[in-house]
Protein backbone atom coordinates (compact mmCIF):
# COMPACT_ATOMS: atom_id res chain seq x y z
CA MET A 1 -0.08 0.17 0.11
CA SER A 2 1.49 3.32 -1.24
CA ARG A 3 1.85 6.14 1.44
CA THR A 4 1.19 9.78 0.78
CA LEU A 5 4.30 11.63 0.28
CA ASP A 6 5.66 14.44 2.59
CA ARG A 7 5.99 18.03 1.37
CA ILE A 8 8.49 20.43 2.77
CA ALA A 9 8.99 23.96 1.66
CA VAL A 10 12.57 25.21 1.54
CA ILE A 11 12.99 28.82 1.33
CA SER A 12 16.02 31.26 1.66
CA ASP A 13 17.19 34.78 1.82
CA VAL A 14 14.26 36.61 2.47
CA HIS A 15 16.64 39.61 3.37
CA GLY A 16 13.84 41.95 5.07
CA ASN A 17 11.45 41.75 2.18
CA LEU A 18 8.17 41.18 4.38
CA THR A 19 6.21 41.63 1.38
CA ALA A 20 7.70 38.82 -0.82
CA LEU A 21 7.63 36.33 2.13
CA GLU A 22 4.22 37.09 2.80
CA ALA A 23 3.37 36.09 -0.68
CA VAL A 24 5.83 32.90 -0.87
CA LEU A 25 4.19 31.87 2.71
CA ALA A 26 0.60 32.35 1.15
CA ASP A 27 1.43 30.07 -1.90
CA ILE A 28 2.85 27.54 0.50
CA ALA A 29 -0.35 27.56 2.45
CA ALA A 30 -2.44 27.33 -0.39
CA ARG A 31 -0.83 24.09 -1.31
CA GLY A 32 -1.70 22.64 1.92
CA ILE A 33 2.30 22.53 3.10
CA ARG A 34 3.00 22.79 6.65
CA ARG A 35 6.37 22.25 7.15
CA ILE A 36 8.87 25.06 6.33
CA PHE A 37 12.58 24.81 6.66
CA ASN A 38 14.41 28.35 6.23
CA LEU A 39 18.10 28.60 5.24
CA GLY A 40 18.76 32.04 6.44
CA ASP A 41 19.93 35.31 5.63
CA TYR A 42 16.52 36.81 7.09
CA VAL A 43 17.93 40.33 7.26
CA GLY A 44 19.79 43.23 5.42
CA LYS A 45 18.81 44.69 2.19
CA GLY A 46 15.46 45.17 2.68
CA PRO A 47 13.56 47.33 5.44
CA ARG A 48 11.89 44.98 7.75
CA GLY A 49 14.48 42.35 9.30
CA ARG A 50 12.43 42.60 12.63
CA GLU A 51 9.19 41.60 11.42
CA VAL A 52 10.70 38.89 9.02
CA ILE A 53 12.45 37.49 11.69
CA ASP A 54 8.96 37.30 14.06
CA VAL A 55 7.22 35.82 10.95
CA CYS A 56 10.05 33.22 10.56
CA ARG A 57 10.25 32.24 13.94
CA GLU A 58 6.23 31.53 14.34
CA ARG A 59 5.80 29.75 10.60
CA CYS A 60 9.25 28.07 10.00
CA GLU A 61 9.93 24.42 11.58
CA VAL A 62 13.73 24.85 11.01
CA ASN A 63 15.80 28.08 10.86
CA VAL A 64 19.49 27.86 9.77
CA GLN A 65 22.01 30.61 9.94
CA GLY A 66 22.90 32.68 6.93
CA ASN A 67 26.12 34.81 6.49
CA TRP A 68 24.09 38.15 7.20
CA ASP A 69 22.64 36.39 10.44
CA ASP A 70 26.38 35.93 11.75
CA PHE A 71 27.85 39.10 10.57
CA LEU A 72 25.22 41.75 10.92
CA PRO A 73 24.60 41.36 14.77
CA ASN A 74 28.28 40.29 15.67
CA PRO A 75 29.21 42.75 18.54
CA ASP A 76 32.73 42.83 17.65
CA ARG A 77 31.89 44.29 14.25
CA GLU A 78 32.36 48.31 13.51
CA TYR A 79 30.20 49.52 10.86
CA ASP A 80 31.35 52.00 8.61
CA SER A 81 28.37 51.72 6.21
CA GLU A 82 24.94 53.49 6.99
CA GLY A 83 23.17 50.55 5.64
CA LEU A 84 24.64 48.01 7.74
CA ALA A 85 24.29 50.26 10.85
CA TRP A 86 20.76 50.97 9.94
CA TRP A 87 19.76 47.06 9.26
CA LEU A 88 21.27 46.62 12.37
CA ALA A 89 19.27 49.04 14.42
CA GLN A 90 16.07 47.65 13.03
CA LEU A 91 16.45 44.29 14.99
CA GLY A 92 14.17 43.86 17.81
CA GLU A 93 15.39 43.13 21.30
CA GLY A 94 17.27 39.70 21.56
CA GLN A 95 17.13 39.11 17.77
CA GLY A 96 20.72 39.32 17.06
CA LYS A 97 21.48 36.71 19.61
CA TRP A 98 18.75 34.19 18.21
CA LEU A 99 20.56 35.13 14.68
CA ARG A 100 24.01 34.37 16.03
CA GLU A 101 22.66 31.03 17.85
CA LEU A 102 21.09 29.61 14.98
CA PRO A 103 22.08 26.05 13.81
CA PHE A 104 24.65 25.81 10.88
CA CYS A 105 22.76 23.01 9.06
CA HIS A 106 19.66 20.53 9.28
CA ASP A 107 19.84 16.74 8.30
CA PHE A 108 17.25 14.15 7.96
CA LEU A 109 16.04 11.37 5.91
CA LEU A 110 13.80 11.58 2.73
CA SER A 111 12.97 8.45 0.70
CA GLY A 112 15.88 6.55 2.03
CA ARG A 113 18.14 9.50 0.89
CA HIS A 114 20.33 11.59 3.47
CA VAL A 115 19.42 15.45 3.01
CA ARG A 116 21.59 18.16 4.21
CA LEU A 117 20.36 21.50 4.22
CA PHE A 118 23.01 25.04 4.87
CA HIS A 119 23.13 28.30 3.61
CA ALA A 120 26.34 28.73 1.61
CA SER A 121 28.52 25.56 1.94
CA ALA A 122 29.74 22.63 4.16
CA THR A 123 32.40 24.73 5.78
CA SER A 124 31.16 28.08 6.36
CA VAL A 125 28.22 30.37 6.02
CA HIS A 126 30.82 32.79 4.50
CA THR A 127 32.07 30.54 1.93
CA ARG A 128 30.17 30.84 -1.47
CA VAL A 129 29.50 28.16 -3.94
CA ARG A 130 28.30 29.41 -7.19
CA PHE A 131 26.03 27.47 -9.90
CA ASP A 132 29.46 27.37 -12.24
CA HIS A 133 31.48 25.55 -9.69
CA ASP A 134 33.94 23.07 -10.50
CA GLU A 135 34.09 19.30 -9.55
CA ARG A 136 36.09 19.80 -6.28
CA GLU A 137 33.67 22.35 -5.25
CA PHE A 138 30.63 19.92 -5.87
CA LEU A 139 32.24 17.13 -3.74
CA GLY A 140 33.22 19.67 -1.13
CA MET A 141 29.20 20.28 -0.61
CA PHE A 142 28.52 16.76 0.57
CA ALA A 143 31.79 16.39 3.02
CA ASN A 144 31.31 16.22 6.69
CA THR A 145 33.35 19.30 8.18
CA PRO A 146 33.88 20.56 11.59
CA ALA A 147 30.86 23.01 10.97
CA THR A 148 28.69 20.18 9.79
CA GLY A 149 29.48 17.73 12.14
CA ASP A 150 29.63 13.77 11.73
CA GLY A 151 27.20 11.78 10.43
CA PRO A 152 26.12 9.58 7.49
CA ALA A 153 27.65 11.85 4.28
CA PRO A 154 24.13 13.41 2.49
CA THR A 155 23.44 12.44 -0.96
CA ILE A 156 21.22 15.42 -1.24
CA VAL A 157 22.44 19.04 -0.43
CA GLY A 158 20.35 22.01 -0.61
CA TYR A 159 21.49 25.69 0.00
CA GLY A 160 20.76 29.46 -0.86
CA ASP A 161 23.37 32.14 -0.28
CA THR A 162 24.15 32.94 -4.35
CA HIS A 163 20.37 33.85 -5.17
CA ASP A 164 20.93 31.56 -8.15
CA PRO A 165 18.33 28.96 -8.30
CA PHE A 166 19.69 25.46 -9.96
CA TYR A 167 19.48 21.89 -9.78
CA GLU A 168 22.30 19.11 -10.39
CA VAL A 169 23.22 15.47 -10.39
CA GLY A 170 26.67 14.20 -10.01
CA ASN A 171 28.46 11.17 -9.51
CA GLY A 172 27.17 8.50 -7.07
CA GLY A 173 23.53 10.18 -7.76
CA ARG A 174 24.45 13.19 -5.69
CA VAL A 175 21.93 15.97 -5.93
CA LEU A 176 22.93 19.46 -5.38
CA PHE A 177 20.19 21.97 -5.59
CA ASN A 178 19.92 25.84 -4.63
CA THR A 179 16.70 27.38 -3.67
CA GLY A 180 17.25 30.80 -4.98
CA SER A 181 15.95 33.82 -3.00
CA VAL A 182 12.55 34.72 -1.69
CA GLY A 183 13.24 38.33 -1.21
CA ASN A 184 16.20 39.32 -3.27
CA ALA A 185 16.00 37.21 -6.33
CA MET A 186 18.36 38.18 -9.41
CA ASP A 187 17.73 38.43 -13.07
CA ASP A 188 14.36 36.94 -12.56
CA ALA A 189 13.42 39.06 -9.95
CA THR A 190 10.30 37.07 -9.01
CA PRO A 191 10.72 35.19 -5.59
CA VAL A 192 11.84 31.55 -5.74
CA TYR A 193 11.48 28.43 -3.33
CA VAL A 194 11.59 25.02 -3.57
CA ILE A 195 9.20 22.13 -2.52
CA LEU A 196 10.70 18.89 -1.36
CA GLU A 197 8.46 15.82 -1.73
CA GLY A 198 9.22 12.28 -0.43
CA VAL A 199 8.79 9.93 2.34
CA LEU A 200 10.08 11.91 5.17
CA GLY A 201 12.09 10.12 8.16
CA SER A 202 12.19 6.76 6.18
CA PRO A 203 15.39 4.81 5.56
CA ASP A 204 13.93 3.03 2.46
CA PRO A 205 13.87 4.03 -1.09
CA ALA A 206 11.14 5.92 -2.29
CA SER A 207 10.20 8.37 -4.94
CA PHE A 208 11.30 11.74 -4.57
CA ALA A 209 11.21 15.64 -5.94
CA VAL A 210 12.63 18.77 -6.01
CA GLN A 211 10.39 21.47 -7.31
CA PHE A 212 10.98 25.26 -7.90
CA ILE A 213 7.99 27.45 -7.48
CA ARG A 214 8.16 31.30 -8.62
CA VAL A 215 5.74 33.28 -6.82
CA PRO A 216 4.75 36.86 -7.97
CA TYR A 217 4.09 39.90 -5.27
CA ASP A 218 3.58 43.51 -5.11
CA VAL A 219 6.92 44.92 -5.79
CA GLU A 220 5.16 48.42 -5.76
CA ALA A 221 4.20 48.16 -1.94
CA GLU A 222 7.68 46.87 -0.70
CA ILE A 223 9.40 49.80 -2.52
CA ALA A 224 6.74 52.11 -0.73
CA VAL A 225 7.81 50.80 2.64
CA ALA A 226 11.57 51.19 2.15
CA THR A 227 11.02 54.59 0.83
CA ALA A 228 8.72 55.52 3.75
CA MET A 229 11.48 54.24 6.28
CA ALA A 230 14.01 56.25 4.46
CA MET A 231 15.91 53.08 4.26
CA PRO A 232 19.98 53.59 2.88
CA GLU A 233 20.87 52.33 -0.08
CA LEU A 234 17.32 52.84 -1.77
CA PRO A 235 18.33 52.98 -5.41
CA GLY A 236 20.18 49.79 -5.21
CA TYR A 237 17.21 48.07 -3.45
CA ILE A 238 14.79 49.31 -6.07
CA SER A 239 17.06 48.07 -9.04
CA GLU A 240 16.96 44.45 -7.42
CA LEU A 241 13.27 44.26 -6.74
CA ARG A 242 12.14 45.84 -10.05
CA HIS A 243 14.88 44.36 -12.57
CA GLY A 244 16.63 41.99 -10.82
CA VAL A 245 19.83 44.09 -11.48
CA TYR A 246 22.40 43.67 -8.71
CA ARG A 247 22.99 47.13 -7.11
CA GLY A 248 26.52 46.74 -7.94
CA ASP A 249 25.46 46.37 -11.65
CA MET A 250 23.07 49.27 -11.96
CA ASP A 251 25.32 51.44 -14.39
CA ASP A 252 26.28 48.53 -16.58
CA PRO A 253 23.24 45.86 -16.81
CA ARG A 254 25.21 43.67 -19.03
CA ALA A 255 27.52 42.94 -16.39
CA ARG A 256 26.98 40.10 -13.91
CA LYS A 257 29.05 40.43 -10.88
CA TYR A 258 28.45 37.26 -8.68
CA HIS A 259 29.08 38.89 -5.35
CA ARG A 260 25.42 39.45 -4.53
CA ALA A 261 24.44 37.87 -1.21
């Protein structure tokens, strides 16, 4: 007798964009999905990091740490950027501590496959692996490291960080996917998330799926909020939200500089 497959929504890189997050959560709810795993970068770039954290703490079953979540509330860091200081000031009481204490990764079984989710790479939230990685970088995503801890090596790895969604299969049936970004999607600026489907917690082989979902939202409403709050770096934020053009590339739309996250 076949079992109904479990579905998990995997989101990442909301970056203070509450309007996009609410649209994605509404889409997830409309599909009847109750489990949401969040791969980090709740704050920075957008105006409402505090509200995003509150929503994710309430709605997400799993929350892991992103690079912004580590460095923005770092008490030992000095900020010479108006934007960084402003985004830090938006955090509510205790939220910086919560961000810095988030787990590095989350491991589980799905249809007989070991799944590992983290923000950027197997070694650090600050080590970036692009979609055009080499074989060494690909294999490194499946390694056990001091950051991930010991345990069964994963056969499926999902991550965020680069805002570039992709799906790749390598030697040994290893699956690597990037969720893309909910709040700061590039090129196609439409928020994107992933649905994992399979038998959760089962060591037995069964069907599984990785599906990418794009969710339109009210971009102008989000821009209006950022404008009303007098958020620094507003022209760059508008460029990213309206056109999917990274703020560093605004003067040269043909350029594509992979240092976005």
